[in-house]
C-alpha cells in the first residue's frame, strides 16, 4: 500500500515538473509590432487592432506569407525614402467593414498637396507572388515615383520614373 502511495506521489510530481517547465514564449509569427518601427523582410501575422510604423522598404519573401488582421493600421512614416512594399510571397489583408486594414501616412502629412498620394510607393506584386487578398483594405497616399534606388527598380519590376 505504501509503495502505491509513493508511486502516485512521484507520478504527480513528475507531471507537475513536466508541465510546469513549459516555456511561455510568444509565437514569433504573432509578436506585437516593434516600438522602433518595421522595415526589411516581414512575414507571419500582424495582430488585430495594432499599429505598425513603417520606417523603410518592406518585402514579403518568396515562399512566405503575411496575414494582416482586422483593424491593423500600417503607417508609412519615412518621407525621405517613400517606402515600397514588395510582395514576393503572399499577402492576406483580412479587414472587415467595421475594422478595415489601413495603409496610410501620419495625419500631419495628409494635406491638399497630396490628394492622390505620393508619400509612399505602394503594394507591388512580384511574379513569385501566388496570392494577394485585400479584403476591406484602405490604401491611401501611395503612388510615389520610382527612382534608381527603389527596390521595385532594383528587382526589375519597374523602371525609374522620378528623381
Protein backbone atom coordinates (compact mmCIF):
# COMPACT_ATOMS: atom_id res chain seq x y z
CA UNK A 1 0.00 0.00 0.00
CA UNK A 2 2.84 2.39 0.88
CA UNK A 3 4.53 1.60 -2.44
CA UNK A 4 1.40 2.60 -4.40
CA UNK A 5 1.15 5.83 -2.46
CA UNK A 6 4.79 6.69 -3.25
CA UNK A 7 4.29 5.84 -6.95
CA UNK A 8 1.21 8.06 -7.06
CA UNK A 9 3.07 10.95 -5.41
CA UNK A 10 6.06 10.52 -7.76
CA UNK A 11 3.72 10.42 -10.75
CA UNK A 12 2.01 13.64 -9.69
CA UNK A 13 5.36 15.36 -9.04
CA UNK A 14 6.71 14.23 -12.41
CA UNK A 15 3.65 15.51 -14.28
CA UNK A 16 3.88 18.83 -12.41
CA UNK A 17 7.56 19.15 -13.30
CA UNK A 18 6.96 18.40 -16.98
CA UNK A 19 4.02 20.79 -17.37
CA UNK A 20 5.50 23.42 -15.06
CA UNK A 21 8.68 23.68 -17.14
CA UNK A 22 6.88 24.67 -20.31
CA UNK A 23 8.46 27.83 -21.64
CA UNK A 24 5.87 30.57 -22.12
CA UNK A 25 7.26 32.39 -25.15
CA UNK A 26 5.15 34.17 -27.74
CA UNK A 27 4.78 32.72 -31.20
CA UNK A 28 7.42 34.57 -33.28
CA UNK A 29 4.88 34.97 -36.08
CA UNK A 30 2.42 36.90 -33.89
CA UNK A 31 4.64 39.18 -31.81
CA UNK A 32 3.48 42.76 -31.29
CA UNK A 33 4.94 45.45 -33.55
CA UNK A 34 8.37 46.70 -32.55
CA UNK A 35 8.32 50.11 -30.89
CA UNK A 36 11.05 51.47 -33.18
CA UNK A 37 9.32 50.66 -36.45
CA UNK A 38 9.31 47.99 -39.12
CA UNK A 39 11.41 47.63 -42.26
CA UNK A 40 13.00 44.83 -44.26
CA UNK A 41 11.57 41.33 -44.63
CA UNK A 42 8.22 40.60 -43.00
CA UNK A 43 6.02 37.51 -42.65
CA UNK A 44 3.73 35.88 -40.11
CA UNK A 45 0.73 37.69 -38.62
CA UNK A 46 0.18 41.32 -37.74
CA UNK A 47 -2.38 41.13 -34.96
CA UNK A 48 -5.82 42.70 -34.77
CA UNK A 49 -6.06 46.34 -33.81
CA UNK A 50 -2.32 47.13 -33.72
CA UNK A 51 -0.39 49.93 -35.44
CA UNK A 52 2.79 49.29 -37.40
CA UNK A 53 5.07 52.26 -38.14
CA UNK A 54 6.97 51.54 -41.33
CA UNK A 55 10.44 53.11 -41.35
CA UNK A 56 11.82 51.63 -44.57
CA UNK A 57 11.04 49.39 -47.51
CA UNK A 58 9.18 46.12 -46.80
CA UNK A 59 9.38 42.76 -48.52
CA UNK A 60 7.46 39.53 -48.08
CA UNK A 61 10.00 36.93 -49.26
CA UNK A 62 9.05 34.31 -51.86
CA UNK A 63 7.53 31.27 -50.17
CA UNK A 64 6.44 33.28 -47.10
CA UNK A 65 3.11 34.91 -46.20
CA UNK A 66 1.97 37.90 -44.19
CA UNK A 67 -1.54 37.96 -42.75
CA UNK A 68 -2.82 41.32 -41.55
CA UNK A 69 -5.79 41.01 -39.22
CA UNK A 70 -8.80 43.38 -38.94
CA UNK A 71 -8.19 46.88 -37.64
CA UNK A 72 -4.44 46.93 -38.26
CA UNK A 73 -3.11 50.36 -39.20
CA UNK A 74 0.08 50.46 -41.28
CA UNK A 75 1.63 53.93 -41.19
CA UNK A 76 4.26 54.67 -43.82
CA UNK A 77 6.34 57.04 -41.74
CA UNK A 78 9.51 57.66 -43.79
CA UNK A 79 9.05 60.65 -46.08
CA UNK A 80 12.62 60.56 -47.40
CA UNK A 81 12.75 57.09 -48.95
CA UNK A 82 8.98 56.76 -49.62
CA UNK A 83 8.72 53.07 -48.70
CA UNK A 84 7.67 50.40 -51.17
CA UNK A 85 6.02 47.15 -50.09
CA UNK A 86 7.31 44.40 -52.40
CA UNK A 87 5.24 41.20 -52.28
CA UNK A 88 7.30 38.23 -53.46
CA UNK A 89 5.30 35.82 -51.28
CA UNK A 90 1.64 36.12 -50.28
CA UNK A 91 -0.29 38.93 -48.61
CA UNK A 92 -3.64 38.48 -46.87
CA UNK A 93 -5.26 41.71 -45.63
CA UNK A 94 -8.25 40.41 -43.67
CA UNK A 95 -10.10 43.61 -42.81
CA UNK A 96 -13.82 43.79 -42.09
CA UNK A 97 -16.37 46.51 -42.86
CA UNK A 98 -16.24 47.59 -39.22
CA UNK A 99 -12.44 47.17 -38.86
CA UNK A 100 -10.65 47.66 -42.17
CA UNK A 101 -6.92 47.26 -42.65
CA UNK A 102 -5.48 50.70 -43.39
CA UNK A 103 -2.25 51.63 -45.22
CA UNK A 104 -1.72 55.35 -44.69
CA UNK A 105 0.71 58.08 -43.60
CA UNK A 106 0.91 60.18 -40.42
CA UNK A 107 -2.06 62.55 -40.06
CA UNK A 108 0.20 65.62 -40.28
CA UNK A 109 1.15 64.64 -43.85
CA UNK A 110 -2.47 64.48 -45.06
CA UNK A 111 -2.70 67.83 -46.85
CA UNK A 112 -4.19 69.12 -50.09
CA UNK A 113 -0.70 68.91 -51.64
CA UNK A 114 -1.01 65.11 -51.60
CA UNK A 115 -4.59 64.50 -52.68
CA UNK A 116 -3.76 61.49 -54.84
CA UNK A 117 -0.75 60.43 -52.86
CA UNK A 118 2.93 60.26 -53.47
CA UNK A 119 4.15 59.74 -49.92
CA UNK A 120 4.92 56.02 -50.21
CA UNK A 121 5.44 53.65 -53.11
CA UNK A 122 2.52 51.25 -52.78
CA UNK A 123 1.98 47.50 -52.79
CA UNK A 124 3.99 45.89 -55.60
CA UNK A 125 3.47 42.24 -56.52
CA UNK A 126 6.40 40.29 -57.94
CA UNK A 127 5.94 37.34 -60.34
CA UNK A 128 6.71 34.95 -57.45
CA UNK A 129 3.62 36.07 -55.50
CA UNK A 130 0.84 33.48 -55.71
CA UNK A 131 -1.91 35.21 -53.71
CA UNK A 132 -2.86 38.70 -52.61
CA UNK A 133 -6.12 39.33 -50.77
CA UNK A 134 -7.18 42.90 -49.98
CA UNK A 135 -10.43 42.44 -48.09
CA UNK A 136 -11.82 45.70 -46.66
CA UNK A 137 -8.43 47.38 -47.08
CA UNK A 138 -7.84 51.13 -47.38
CA UNK A 139 -4.80 52.26 -49.40
CA UNK A 140 -4.15 56.00 -49.28
CA UNK A 141 -1.40 58.49 -50.13
CA UNK A 142 0.65 55.93 -52.07
CA UNK A 143 1.95 56.14 -55.62
CA UNK A 144 5.37 57.77 -55.25
CA UNK A 145 7.52 57.86 -58.39
CA UNK A 146 10.17 55.17 -58.64
CA UNK A 147 13.87 56.03 -58.68
CA UNK A 148 17.07 54.09 -59.35
CA UNK A 149 17.16 53.37 -55.59
CA UNK A 150 13.63 51.92 -55.42
CA UNK A 151 13.52 48.19 -54.58
CA UNK A 152 11.00 47.66 -57.39
CA UNK A 153 13.50 49.11 -59.90
CA UNK A 154 16.43 47.13 -58.46
CA UNK A 155 14.33 43.93 -58.69
CA UNK A 156 13.41 44.68 -62.31
CA UNK A 157 9.70 45.11 -61.56
CA UNK A 158 9.54 48.76 -62.70
CA UNK A 159 11.68 51.38 -64.40
CA UNK A 160 12.81 54.53 -62.65
CA UNK A 161 10.46 57.43 -63.37
CA UNK A 162 11.38 60.09 -60.83
CA UNK A 163 14.35 61.89 -59.37
